[in-house]
Amino acid sequence: MTSGGARLRRPQRLGAAAVAAALAAGTARRSERFRLSLRPNGLPYARLALVVAKRHAPRAVDRNRVRRLAREAFRIHQQRFAGQDLVVRLTASIAERPVTLAEIEALLLGSRRA
């Protein structure tokens, strides 16, 4: 994969103010190690922000893997989230077992059914 294909386009990324608004007023869904906050954005496309704290994933390689997998899951399913801001937040340590794409997809898809 080339580095150009791995990034979200600028309009698909949330700024700090939108992240704060989604965390404060958005609908929250939880999984074992993640929290997903959803908030309508009034746009025809979805936007994404990732919060991966060093205390839950101390190694940079692990934080980057979580981000890469979350972006990939978002890219695959972004049409389902048109008109919403999503904030995916790691809330528990990943030391016991690595994060998988299926785990993040389950979080995203489970939140749409609720």
PDB file of N, CA and C in Angstrom:
ATOM      1  N   MET A   1       0.846  -1.168   0.000  1.00  0.00           N
ATOM      2  CA  MET A   1       0.000   0.000   0.000  1.00  0.00           C
ATOM      3  C   MET A   1       0.891   1.230   0.000  1.00  0.00           C
ATOM      4  N   THR A   2       0.526   2.203  -0.782  1.00  0.00           N
ATOM      5  CA  THR A   2       1.287   3.452  -0.811  1.00  0.00           C
ATOM      6  C   THR A   2       0.803   4.367   0.296  1.00  0.00           C
ATOM      7  N   SER A   3       1.645   5.267   0.706  1.00  0.00           N
ATOM      8  CA  SER A   3       1.268   6.155   1.801  1.00  0.00           C
ATOM      9  C   SER A   3       0.138   7.092   1.407  1.00  0.00           C
ATOM     10  N   GLY A   4       0.015   7.439   0.138  1.00  0.00           N
ATOM     11  CA  GLY A   4      -1.058   8.319  -0.303  1.00  0.00           C
ATOM     12  C   GLY A   4      -2.426   7.708  -0.138  1.00  0.00           C
ATOM     13  N   GLY A   5      -2.548   6.389  -0.297  1.00  0.00           N
ATOM     14  CA  GLY A   5      -3.827   5.731  -0.159  1.00  0.00           C
ATOM     15  C   GLY A   5      -4.239   5.502   1.283  1.00  0.00           C
ATOM     16  N   ALA A   6      -3.300   5.642   2.214  1.00  0.00           N
ATOM     17  CA  ALA A   6      -3.579   5.344   3.613  1.00  0.00           C
ATOM     18  C   ALA A   6      -4.198   6.514   4.358  1.00  0.00           C
ATOM     19  N   ARG A   7      -4.160   7.695   3.795  1.00  0.00           N
ATOM     20  CA  ARG A   7      -4.644   8.876   4.497  1.00  0.00           C
ATOM     21  C   ARG A   7      -6.078   9.202   4.124  1.00  0.00           C
ATOM     22  N   LEU A   8      -6.766   9.804   5.071  1.00  0.00           N
ATOM     23  CA  LEU A   8      -8.095  10.318   4.779  1.00  0.00           C
ATOM     24  C   LEU A   8      -7.949  11.678   4.131  1.00  0.00           C
ATOM     25  N   ARG A   9      -8.855  12.004   3.235  1.00  0.00           N
ATOM     26  CA  ARG A   9      -8.839  13.348   2.653  1.00  0.00           C
ATOM     27  C   ARG A   9      -9.133  14.360   3.749  1.00  0.00           C
ATOM     28  N   ARG A  10      -8.668  15.560   3.586  1.00  0.00           N
ATOM     29  CA  ARG A  10      -8.817  16.587   4.610  1.00  0.00           C
ATOM     30  C   ARG A  10     -10.267  16.782   5.054  1.00  0.00           C
ATOM     31  N   PRO A  11     -11.242  16.826   4.155  1.00  0.00           N
ATOM     32  CA  PRO A  11     -12.623  17.020   4.628  1.00  0.00           C
ATOM     33  C   PRO A  11     -13.150  15.856   5.474  1.00  0.00           C
ATOM     34  N   GLN A  12     -12.503  14.700   5.399  1.00  0.00           N
ATOM     35  CA  GLN A  12     -12.955  13.545   6.160  1.00  0.00           C
ATOM     36  C   GLN A  12     -12.373  13.491   7.567  1.00  0.00           C
ATOM     37  N   ARG A  13     -11.482  14.405   7.889  1.00  0.00           N
ATOM     38  CA  ARG A  13     -10.862  14.417   9.210  1.00  0.00           C
ATOM     39  C   ARG A  13     -11.514  15.491  10.077  1.00  0.00           C
ATOM     40  N   LEU A  14     -11.697  15.189  11.343  1.00  0.00           N
ATOM     41  CA  LEU A  14     -12.307  16.130  12.277  1.00  0.00           C
ATOM     42  C   LEU A  14     -11.253  17.009  12.923  1.00  0.00           C
ATOM     43  N   GLY A  15     -11.596  18.258  13.147  1.00  0.00           N
ATOM     44  CA  GLY A  15     -10.744  19.166  13.897  1.00  0.00           C
ATOM     45  C   GLY A  15     -11.010  19.021  15.386  1.00  0.00           C
ATOM     46  N   ALA A  16     -10.231  19.701  16.202  1.00  0.00           N
ATOM     47  CA  ALA A  16     -10.326  19.581  17.654  1.00  0.00           C
ATOM     48  C   ALA A  16     -11.702  19.983  18.181  1.00  0.00           C
ATOM     49  N   ALA A  17     -12.274  21.042  17.664  1.00  0.00           N
ATOM     50  CA  ALA A  17     -13.579  21.494  18.147  1.00  0.00           C
ATOM     51  C   ALA A  17     -14.672  20.474  17.836  1.00  0.00           C
ATOM     52  N   ALA A  18     -14.639  19.877  16.654  1.00  0.00           N
ATOM     53  CA  ALA A  18     -15.635  18.874  16.281  1.00  0.00           C
ATOM     54  C   ALA A  18     -15.467  17.598  17.103  1.00  0.00           C
ATOM     55  N   VAL A  19     -14.219  17.241  17.420  1.00  0.00           N
ATOM     56  CA  VAL A  19     -13.971  16.073  18.270  1.00  0.00           C
ATOM     57  C   VAL A  19     -14.557  16.317  19.653  1.00  0.00           C
ATOM     58  N   ALA A  20     -14.287  17.484  20.215  1.00  0.00           N
ATOM     59  CA  ALA A  20     -14.816  17.819  21.541  1.00  0.00           C
ATOM     60  C   ALA A  20     -16.341  17.802  21.540  1.00  0.00           C
ATOM     61  N   ALA A  21     -16.955  18.330  20.495  1.00  0.00           N
ATOM     62  CA  ALA A  21     -18.417  18.340  20.406  1.00  0.00           C
ATOM     63  C   ALA A  21     -18.971  16.924  20.306  1.00  0.00           C
ATOM     64  N   ALA A  22     -18.335  16.075  19.515  1.00  0.00           N
ATOM     65  CA  ALA A  22     -18.801  14.691  19.368  1.00  0.00           C
ATOM     66  C   ALA A  22     -18.653  13.924  20.674  1.00  0.00           C
ATOM     67  N   LEU A  23     -17.555  14.152  21.387  1.00  0.00           N
ATOM     68  CA  LEU A  23     -17.354  13.458  22.660  1.00  0.00           C
ATOM     69  C   LEU A  23     -18.342  13.953  23.715  1.00  0.00           C
ATOM     70  N   ALA A  24     -18.648  15.235  23.696  1.00  0.00           N
ATOM     71  CA  ALA A  24     -19.530  15.809  24.711  1.00  0.00           C
ATOM     72  C   ALA A  24     -21.006  15.537  24.433  1.00  0.00           C
ATOM     73  N   ALA A  25     -21.429  15.665  23.182  1.00  0.00           N
ATOM     74  CA  ALA A  25     -22.861  15.618  22.883  1.00  0.00           C
ATOM     75  C   ALA A  25     -23.260  14.470  21.974  1.00  0.00           C
ATOM     76  N   GLY A  26     -22.318  13.666  21.543  1.00  0.00           N
ATOM     77  CA  GLY A  26     -22.642  12.587  20.614  1.00  0.00           C
ATOM     78  C   GLY A  26     -23.223  11.365  21.305  1.00  0.00           C
ATOM     79  N   THR A  27     -23.770  10.487  20.504  1.00  0.00           N
ATOM     80  CA  THR A  27     -24.265   9.213  20.987  1.00  0.00           C
ATOM     81  C   THR A  27     -23.075   8.273  21.140  1.00  0.00           C
ATOM     82  N   ALA A  28     -22.949   7.653  22.298  1.00  0.00           N
ATOM     83  CA  ALA A  28     -21.785   6.804  22.558  1.00  0.00           C
ATOM     84  C   ALA A  28     -22.161   5.331  22.499  1.00  0.00           C
ATOM     85  N   ARG A  29     -21.282   4.563  21.896  1.00  0.00           N
ATOM     86  CA  ARG A  29     -21.393   3.109  21.859  1.00  0.00           C
ATOM     87  C   ARG A  29     -20.068   2.548  22.351  1.00  0.00           C
ATOM     88  N   ARG A  30     -20.125   1.444  23.072  1.00  0.00           N
ATOM     89  CA  ARG A  30     -18.913   0.873  23.641  1.00  0.00           C
ATOM     90  C   ARG A  30     -18.710  -0.566  23.200  1.00  0.00           C
ATOM     91  N   SER A  31     -17.454  -0.931  23.145  1.00  0.00           N
ATOM     92  CA  SER A  31     -17.076  -2.332  23.025  1.00  0.00           C
ATOM     93  C   SER A  31     -16.104  -2.588  24.161  1.00  0.00           C
ATOM     94  N   GLU A  32     -15.494  -3.733  24.172  1.00  0.00           N
ATOM     95  CA  GLU A  32     -14.589  -4.091  25.264  1.00  0.00           C
ATOM     96  C   GLU A  32     -13.438  -3.091  25.417  1.00  0.00           C
ATOM     97  N   ARG A  33     -12.866  -2.639  24.291  1.00  0.00           N
ATOM     98  CA  ARG A  33     -11.695  -1.768  24.362  1.00  0.00           C
ATOM     99  C   ARG A  33     -11.853  -0.428  23.654  1.00  0.00           C
ATOM    100  N   PHE A  34     -13.027  -0.153  23.109  1.00  0.00           N
ATOM    101  CA  PHE A  34     -13.225   1.077  22.347  1.00  0.00           C
ATOM    102  C   PHE A  34     -14.510   1.777  22.745  1.00  0.00           C
ATOM    103  N   ARG A  35     -14.539   3.069  22.463  1.00  0.00           N
ATOM    104  CA  ARG A  35     -15.756   3.864  22.580  1.00  0.00           C
ATOM    105  C   ARG A  35     -15.924   4.600  21.257  1.00  0.00           C
ATOM    106  N   LEU A  36     -17.118   4.535  20.697  1.00  0.00           N
ATOM    107  CA  LEU A  36     -17.436   5.225  19.451  1.00  0.00           C
ATOM    108  C   LEU A  36     -18.461   6.304  19.765  1.00  0.00           C
ATOM    109  N   SER A  37     -18.134   7.535  19.424  1.00  0.00           N
ATOM    110  CA  SER A  37     -19.071   8.650  19.575  1.00  0.00           C
ATOM    111  C   SER A  37     -19.539   9.075  18.194  1.00  0.00           C
ATOM    112  N   LEU A  38     -20.839   9.174  18.034  1.00  0.00           N
ATOM    113  CA  LEU A  38     -21.456   9.568  16.763  1.00  0.00           C
ATOM    114  C   LEU A  38     -22.227  10.859  16.964  1.00  0.00           C
ATOM    115  N   ARG A  39     -22.122  11.749  15.983  1.00  0.00           N
ATOM    116  CA  ARG A  39     -22.852  13.019  16.047  1.00  0.00           C
ATOM    117  C   ARG A  39     -23.178  13.454  14.620  1.00  0.00           C
ATOM    118  N   PRO A  40     -24.413  13.862  14.349  1.00  0.00           N
ATOM    119  CA  PRO A  40     -24.747  14.355  13.011  1.00  0.00           C
ATOM    120  C   PRO A  40     -23.896  15.570  12.657  1.00  0.00           C
ATOM    121  N   ASN A  41     -23.467  15.651  11.387  1.00  0.00           N
ATOM    122  CA  ASN A  41     -22.620  16.780  10.987  1.00  0.00           C
ATOM    123  C   ASN A  41     -23.245  17.658   9.901  1.00  0.00           C
ATOM    124  N   GLY A  42     -24.394  17.262   9.361  1.00  0.00           N
ATOM    125  CA  GLY A  42     -25.055  18.077   8.348  1.00  0.00           C
ATOM    126  C   GLY A  42     -24.365  18.093   6.998  1.00  0.00           C
ATOM    127  N   LEU A  43     -23.425  17.201   6.775  1.00  0.00           N
ATOM    128  CA  LEU A  43     -22.690  17.114   5.516  1.00  0.00           C
ATOM    129  C   LEU A  43     -23.087  15.830   4.791  1.00  0.00           C
ATOM    130  N   PRO A  44     -22.844  15.740   3.500  1.00  0.00           N
ATOM    131  CA  PRO A  44     -23.216  14.520   2.769  1.00  0.00           C
ATOM    132  C   PRO A  44     -22.207  13.379   2.935  1.00  0.00           C
ATOM    133  N   TYR A  45     -21.192  13.557   3.751  1.00  0.00           N
ATOM    134  CA  TYR A  45     -20.179  12.528   3.941  1.00  0.00           C
ATOM    135  C   TYR A  45     -19.828  12.416   5.427  1.00  0.00           C
ATOM    136  N   ALA A  46     -19.213  11.305   5.779  1.00  0.00           N
ATOM    137  CA  ALA A  46     -18.807  11.055   7.161  1.00  0.00           C
ATOM    138  C   ALA A  46     -17.412  11.615   7.412  1.00  0.00           C
ATOM    139  N   ARG A  47     -17.156  11.957   8.684  1.00  0.00           N
ATOM    140  CA  ARG A  47     -15.825  12.406   9.083  1.00  0.00           C
ATOM    141  C   ARG A  47     -15.373  11.563  10.270  1.00  0.00           C
ATOM    142  N   LEU A  48     -14.058  11.402  10.408  1.00  0.00           N
ATOM    143  CA  LEU A  48     -13.499  10.497  11.414  1.00  0.00           C
ATOM    144  C   LEU A  48     -12.402  11.168  12.216  1.00  0.00           C
ATOM    145  N   ALA A  49     -12.361  10.845  13.501  1.00  0.00           N
ATOM    146  CA  ALA A  49     -11.235  11.221  14.362  1.00  0.00           C
ATOM    147  C   ALA A  49     -10.871   9.994  15.191  1.00  0.00           C
ATOM    148  N   LEU A  50      -9.597   9.863  15.500  1.00  0.00           N
ATOM    149  CA  LEU A  50      -9.099   8.738  16.283  1.00  0.00           C
ATOM    150  C   LEU A  50      -8.385   9.268  17.514  1.00  0.00           C
ATOM    151  N   VAL A  51      -8.674   8.659  18.659  1.00  0.00           N
ATOM    152  CA  VAL A  51      -8.003   9.019  19.903  1.00  0.00           C
ATOM    153  C   VAL A  51      -7.380   7.738  20.447  1.00  0.00           C
ATOM    154  N   VAL A  52      -6.056   7.665  20.360  1.00  0.00           N
ATOM    155  CA  VAL A  52      -5.327   6.473  20.807  1.00  0.00           C
ATOM    156  C   VAL A  52      -4.262   6.942  21.791  1.00  0.00           C
ATOM    157  N   ALA A  53      -4.561   6.805  23.077  1.00  0.00           N
ATOM    158  CA  ALA A  53      -3.683   7.318  24.122  1.00  0.00           C
ATOM    159  C   ALA A  53      -2.480   6.408  24.357  1.00  0.00           C
ATOM    160  N   LYS A  54      -1.383   7.023  24.706  1.00  0.00           N
ATOM    161  CA  LYS A  54      -0.147   6.299  24.975  1.00  0.00           C
ATOM    162  C   LYS A  54      -0.294   5.383  26.192  1.00  0.00           C
ATOM    163  N   ARG A  55      -1.136   5.737  27.139  1.00  0.00           N
ATOM    164  CA  ARG A  55      -1.272   4.897  28.330  1.00  0.00           C
ATOM    165  C   ARG A  55      -1.928   3.546  28.024  1.00  0.00           C
ATOM    166  N   HIS A  56      -2.724   3.476  26.940  1.00  0.00           N
ATOM    167  CA  HIS A  56      -3.365   2.225  26.561  1.00  0.00           C
ATOM    168  C   HIS A  56      -2.547   1.447  25.537  1.00  0.00           C
ATOM    169  N   ALA A  57      -1.697   2.117  24.811  1.00  0.00           N
ATOM    170  CA  ALA A  57      -0.834   1.487  23.801  1.00  0.00           C
ATOM    171  C   ALA A  57       0.523   2.198  23.865  1.00  0.00           C
ATOM    172  N   PRO A  58       1.389   1.791  24.784  1.00  0.00           N
ATOM    173  CA  PRO A  58       2.637   2.520  25.007  1.00  0.00           C
ATOM    174  C   PRO A  58       3.578   2.563  23.804  1.00  0.00           C
ATOM    175  N   ARG A  59       3.570   1.532  22.988  1.00  0.00           N
ATOM    176  CA  ARG A  59       4.483   1.504  21.845  1.00  0.00           C
ATOM    177  C   ARG A  59       3.862   2.205  20.644  1.00  0.00           C
ATOM    178  N   ALA A  60       4.646   3.044  19.991  1.00  0.00           N
ATOM    179  CA  ALA A  60       4.160   3.783  18.820  1.00  0.00           C
ATOM    180  C   ALA A  60       3.670   2.844  17.730  1.00  0.00           C
ATOM    181  N   VAL A  61       4.339   1.717  17.552  1.00  0.00           N
ATOM    182  CA  VAL A  61       3.926   0.784  16.511  1.00  0.00           C
ATOM    183  C   VAL A  61       2.510   0.262  16.779  1.00  0.00           C
ATOM    184  N   ASP A  62       2.151   0.073  18.047  1.00  0.00           N
ATOM    185  CA  ASP A  62       0.809  -0.397  18.400  1.00  0.00           C
ATOM    186  C   ASP A  62      -0.232   0.702  18.194  1.00  0.00           C
ATOM    187  N   ARG A  63       0.106   1.933  18.573  1.00  0.00           N
ATOM    188  CA  ARG A  63      -0.824   3.049  18.344  1.00  0.00           C
ATOM    189  C   ARG A  63      -1.080   3.243  16.856  1.00  0.00           C
ATOM    190  N   ASN A  64      -0.024   3.169  16.071  1.00  0.00           N
ATOM    191  CA  ASN A  64      -0.170   3.343  14.625  1.00  0.00           C
ATOM    192  C   ASN A  64      -0.986   2.219  14.008  1.00  0.00           C
ATOM    193  N   ARG A  65      -0.839   0.998  14.506  1.00  0.00           N
ATOM    194  CA  ARG A  65      -1.623  -0.128  14.000  1.00  0.00           C
ATOM    195  C   ARG A  65      -3.111   0.079  14.290  1.00  0.00           C
ATOM    196  N   VAL A  66      -3.431   0.526  15.496  1.00  0.00           N
ATOM    197  CA  VAL A  66      -4.834   0.784  15.846  1.00  0.00           C
ATOM    198  C   VAL A  66      -5.410   1.844  14.912  1.00  0.00           C
ATOM    199  N   ARG A  67      -4.660   2.909  14.696  1.00  0.00           N
ATOM    200  CA  ARG A  67      -5.128   3.973  13.797  1.00  0.00           C
ATOM    201  C   ARG A  67      -5.310   3.465  12.374  1.00  0.00           C
ATOM    202  N   ARG A  68      -4.357   2.700  11.886  1.00  0.00           N
ATOM    203  CA  ARG A  68      -4.425   2.173  10.520  1.00  0.00           C
ATOM    204  C   ARG A  68      -5.644   1.273  10.347  1.00  0.00           C
ATOM    205  N   LEU A  69      -5.886   0.385  11.326  1.00  0.00           N
ATOM    206  CA  LEU A  69      -7.041  -0.511  11.242  1.00  0.00           C
ATOM    207  C   LEU A  69      -8.361   0.265  11.328  1.00  0.00           C
ATOM    208  N   ALA A  70      -8.410   1.275  12.185  1.00  0.00           N
ATOM    209  CA  ALA A  70      -9.639   2.072  12.305  1.00  0.00           C
ATOM    210  C   ALA A  70      -9.919   2.845  11.021  1.00  0.00           C
ATOM    211  N   ARG A  71      -8.868   3.413  10.407  1.00  0.00           N
ATOM    212  CA  ARG A  71      -9.067   4.122   9.132  1.00  0.00           C
ATOM    213  C   ARG A  71      -9.547   3.159   8.046  1.00  0.00           C
ATOM    214  N   GLU A  72      -8.996   1.957   8.023  1.00  0.00           N
ATOM    215  CA  GLU A  72      -9.406   0.978   7.018  1.00  0.00           C
ATOM    216  C   GLU A  72     -10.868   0.576   7.217  1.00  0.00           C
ATOM    217  N   ALA A  73     -11.277   0.317   8.448  1.00  0.00           N
ATOM    218  CA  ALA A  73     -12.671  -0.028   8.727  1.00  0.00           C
ATOM    219  C   ALA A  73     -13.597   1.127   8.335  1.00  0.00           C
ATOM    220  N   PHE A  74     -13.171   2.352   8.612  1.00  0.00           N
ATOM    221  CA  PHE A  74     -13.956   3.532   8.232  1.00  0.00           C
ATOM    222  C   PHE A  74     -14.078   3.619   6.714  1.00  0.00           C
ATOM    223  N   ARG A  75     -12.972   3.426   6.002  1.00  0.00           N
ATOM    224  CA  ARG A  75     -13.008   3.500   4.532  1.00  0.00           C
ATOM    225  C   ARG A  75     -13.962   2.454   3.946  1.00  0.00           C
ATOM    226  N   ILE A  76     -13.931   1.261   4.504  1.00  0.00           N
ATOM    227  CA  ILE A  76     -14.778   0.179   3.997  1.00  0.00           C
ATOM    228  C   ILE A  76     -16.264   0.496   4.210  1.00  0.00           C
ATOM    229  N   HIS A  77     -16.596   1.084   5.343  1.00  0.00           N
ATOM    230  CA  HIS A  77     -18.002   1.266   5.732  1.00  0.00           C
ATOM    231  C   HIS A  77     -18.461   2.723   5.775  1.00  0.00           C
ATOM    232  N   GLN A  78     -17.707   3.647   5.203  1.00  0.00           N
ATOM    233  CA  GLN A  78     -18.037   5.059   5.366  1.00  0.00           C
ATOM    234  C   GLN A  78     -19.375   5.459   4.753  1.00  0.00           C
ATOM    235  N   GLN A  79     -19.840   4.768   3.729  1.00  0.00           N
ATOM    236  CA  GLN A  79     -21.131   5.122   3.129  1.00  0.00           C
ATOM    237  C   GLN A  79     -22.280   4.939   4.118  1.00  0.00           C
ATOM    238  N   ARG A  80     -22.139   4.018   5.047  1.00  0.00           N
ATOM    239  CA  ARG A  80     -23.172   3.786   6.061  1.00  0.00           C
ATOM    240  C   ARG A  80     -23.285   4.956   7.037  1.00  0.00           C
ATOM    241  N   PHE A  81     -22.231   5.742   7.129  1.00  0.00           N
ATOM    242  CA  PHE A  81     -22.173   6.814   8.124  1.00  0.00           C
ATOM    243  C   PHE A  81     -22.274   8.207   7.522  1.00  0.00           C
ATOM    244  N   ALA A  82     -22.768   8.320   6.308  1.00  0.00           N
ATOM    245  CA  ALA A  82     -22.876   9.632   5.661  1.00  0.00           C
ATOM    246  C   ALA A  82     -23.659  10.580   6.561  1.00  0.00           C
ATOM    247  N   GLY A  83     -23.144  11.786   6.699  1.00  0.00           N
ATOM    248  CA  GLY A  83     -23.809  12.791   7.513  1.00  0.00           C
ATOM    249  C   GLY A  83     -23.508  12.704   8.999  1.00  0.00           C
ATOM    250  N   GLN A  84     -22.459  11.958   9.384  1.00  0.00           N
ATOM    251  CA  GLN A  84     -22.136  11.826  10.797  1.00  0.00           C
ATOM    252  C   GLN A  84     -20.645  12.021  11.037  1.00  0.00           C
ATOM    253  N   ASP A  85     -20.337  12.501  12.234  1.00  0.00           N
ATOM    254  CA  ASP A  85     -18.965  12.549  12.706  1.00  0.00           C
ATOM    255  C   ASP A  85     -18.757  11.348  13.617  1.00  0.00           C
ATOM    256  N   LEU A  86     -17.634  10.670  13.445  1.00  0.00           N
ATOM    257  CA  LEU A  86     -17.300   9.516  14.264  1.00  0.00           C
ATOM    258  C   LEU A  86     -16.000   9.791  14.999  1.00  0.00           C
ATOM    259  N   VAL A  87     -15.977   9.493  16.279  1.00  0.00           N
ATOM    260  CA  VAL A  87     -14.749   9.550  17.058  1.00  0.00           C
ATOM    261  C   VAL A  87     -14.544   8.159  17.650  1.00  0.00           C
ATOM    262  N   VAL A  88     -13.484   7.487  17.233  1.00  0.00           N
ATOM    263  CA  VAL A  88     -13.132   6.173  17.750  1.00  0.00           C
ATOM    264  C   VAL A  88     -12.048   6.392  18.790  1.00  0.00           C
ATOM    265  N   ARG A  89     -12.319   5.943  20.023  1.00  0.00           N
ATOM    266  CA  ARG A  89     -11.405   6.176  21.132  1.00  0.00           C
ATOM    267  C   ARG A  89     -11.032   4.860  21.790  1.00  0.00           C
ATOM    268  N   LEU A  90      -9.732   4.606  21.903  1.00  0.00           N
ATOM    269  CA  LEU A  90      -9.236   3.426  22.612  1.00  0.00           C
ATOM    270  C   LEU A  90      -9.370   3.691  24.104  1.00  0.00           C
ATOM    271  N   THR A  91     -10.053   2.792  24.841  1.00  0.00           N
ATOM    272  CA  THR A  91     -10.325   3.038  26.256  1.00  0.00           C
ATOM    273  C   THR A  91      -9.704   2.012  27.187  1.00  0.00           C
ATOM    274  N   ALA A  92      -9.042   0.987  26.648  1.00  0.00           N
ATOM    275  CA  ALA A  92      -8.431  -0.041  27.490  1.00  0.00           C
ATOM    276  C   ALA A  92      -7.117  -0.490  26.865  1.00  0.00           C
ATOM    277  N   SER A  93      -6.298  -1.079  27.675  1.00  0.00           N
ATOM    278  CA  SER A  93      -4.983  -1.521  27.224  1.00  0.00           C
ATOM    279  C   SER A  93      -5.090  -2.605  26.152  1.00  0.00           C
ATOM    280  N   ILE A  94      -4.159  -2.571  25.216  1.00  0.00           N
ATOM    281  CA  ILE A  94      -4.119  -3.594  24.172  1.00  0.00           C
ATOM    282  C   ILE A  94      -2.976  -4.578  24.416  1.00  0.00           C
ATOM    283  N   ALA A  95      -2.422  -4.577  25.629  1.00  0.00           N
ATOM    284  CA  ALA A  95      -1.261  -5.407  25.934  1.00  0.00           C
ATOM    285  C   ALA A  95      -1.571  -6.908  25.866  1.00  0.00           C
ATOM    286  N   GLU A  96      -2.773  -7.305  26.218  1.00  0.00           N
ATOM    287  CA  GLU A  96      -3.107  -8.725  26.286  1.00  0.00           C
ATOM    288  C   GLU A  96      -3.248  -9.372  24.911  1.00  0.00           C
ATOM    289  N   ARG A  97      -3.877  -8.676  23.977  1.00  0.00           N
ATOM    290  CA  ARG A  97      -4.031  -9.206  22.627  1.00  0.00           C
ATOM    291  C   ARG A  97      -4.128  -8.046  21.646  1.00  0.00           C
ATOM    292  N   PRO A  98      -3.648  -8.233  20.430  1.00  0.00           N
ATOM    293  CA  PRO A  98      -3.664  -7.130  19.454  1.00  0.00           C
ATOM    294  C   PRO A  98      -5.080  -6.810  18.975  1.00  0.00           C
ATOM    295  N   VAL A  99      -5.261  -5.590  18.557  1.00  0.00           N
ATOM    296  CA  VAL A  99      -6.527  -5.147  17.977  1.00  0.00           C
ATOM    297  C   VAL A  99      -6.638  -5.721  16.575  1.00  0.00           C
ATOM    298  N   THR A 100      -7.855  -6.110  16.184  1.00  0.00           N
ATOM    299  CA  THR A 100      -8.068  -6.655  14.843  1.00  0.00           C
ATOM    300  C   THR A 100      -9.048  -5.772  14.071  1.00  0.00           C
ATOM    301  N   LEU A 101      -8.989  -5.897  12.768  1.00  0.00           N
ATOM    302  CA  LEU A 101      -9.932  -5.176  11.915  1.00  0.00           C
ATOM    303  C   LEU A 101     -11.364  -5.604  12.233  1.00  0.00           C
ATOM    304  N   ALA A 102     -11.570  -6.881  12.476  1.00  0.00           N
ATOM    305  CA  ALA A 102     -12.912  -7.388  12.784  1.00  0.00           C
ATOM    306  C   ALA A 102     -13.465  -6.762  14.063  1.00  0.00           C
ATOM    307  N   GLU A 103     -12.612  -6.530  15.048  1.00  0.00           N
ATOM    308  CA  GLU A 103     -13.054  -5.908  16.299  1.00  0.00           C
ATOM    309  C   GLU A 103     -13.545  -4.481  16.059  1.00  0.00           C
ATOM    310  N   ILE A 104     -12.829  -3.733  15.249  1.00  0.00           N
ATOM    311  CA  ILE A 104     -13.223  -2.354  14.969  1.00  0.00           C
ATOM    312  C   ILE A 104     -14.457  -2.321  14.073  1.00  0.00           C
ATOM    313  N   GLU A 105     -14.524  -3.226  13.099  1.00  0.00           N
ATOM    314  CA  GLU A 105     -15.722  -3.293  12.248  1.00  0.00           C
ATOM    315  C   GLU A 105     -16.952  -3.642  13.078  1.00  0.00           C
ATOM    316  N   ALA A 106     -16.820  -4.536  14.040  1.00  0.00           N
ATOM    317  CA  ALA A 106     -17.953  -4.894  14.898  1.00  0.00           C
ATOM    318  C   ALA A 106     -18.430  -3.678  15.685  1.00  0.00           C
ATOM    319  N   LEU A 107     -17.491  -2.854  16.148  1.00  0.00           N
ATOM    320  CA  LEU A 107     -17.857  -1.629  16.852  1.00  0.00           C
ATOM    321  C   LEU A 107     -18.633  -0.697  15.927  1.00  0.00           C
ATOM    322  N   LEU A 108     -18.125  -0.475  14.727  1.00  0.00           N
ATOM    323  CA  LEU A 108     -18.793   0.424  13.787  1.00  0.00           C
ATOM    324  C   LEU A 108     -20.152  -0.109  13.359  1.00  0.00           C
ATOM    325  N   LEU A 109     -20.226  -1.345  12.973  1.00  0.00           N
ATOM    326  CA  LEU A 109     -21.469  -1.906  12.454  1.00  0.00           C
ATOM    327  C   LEU A 109     -22.496  -2.113  13.551  1.00  0.00           C
ATOM    328  N   GLY A 110     -22.042  -2.467  14.726  1.00  0.00           N
ATOM    329  CA  GLY A 110     -22.950  -2.629  15.854  1.00  0.00           C
ATOM    330  C   GLY A 110     -23.612  -1.320  16.234  1.00  0.00           C
ATOM    331  N   SER A 111     -22.866  -0.217  16.084  1.00  0.00           N
ATOM    332  CA  SER A 111     -23.407   1.083  16.443  1.00  0.00           C
ATOM    333  C   SER A 111     -24.483   1.527  15.455  1.00  0.00           C
ATOM    334  N   ARG A 112     -24.392   1.096  14.208  1.00  0.00           N
ATOM    335  CA  ARG A 112     -25.389   1.492  13.209  1.00  0.00           C
ATOM    336  C   ARG A 112     -26.705   0.758  13.422  1.00  0.00           C
ATOM    337  N   ARG A 113     -26.677  -0.449  13.954  1.00  0.00           N
ATOM    338  CA  ARG A 113     -27.899  -1.207  14.159  1.00  0.00           C
ATOM    339  C   ARG A 113     -28.659  -0.709  15.382  1.00  0.00           C
ATOM    340  N   ALA A 114     -27.963  -0.104  16.313  1.00  0.00           N
ATOM    341  CA  ALA A 114     -28.617   0.331  17.564  1.00  0.00           C
ATOM    342  C   ALA A 114     -29.452   1.576  17.339  1.00  0.00           C
TER     343      ALA A 114
END
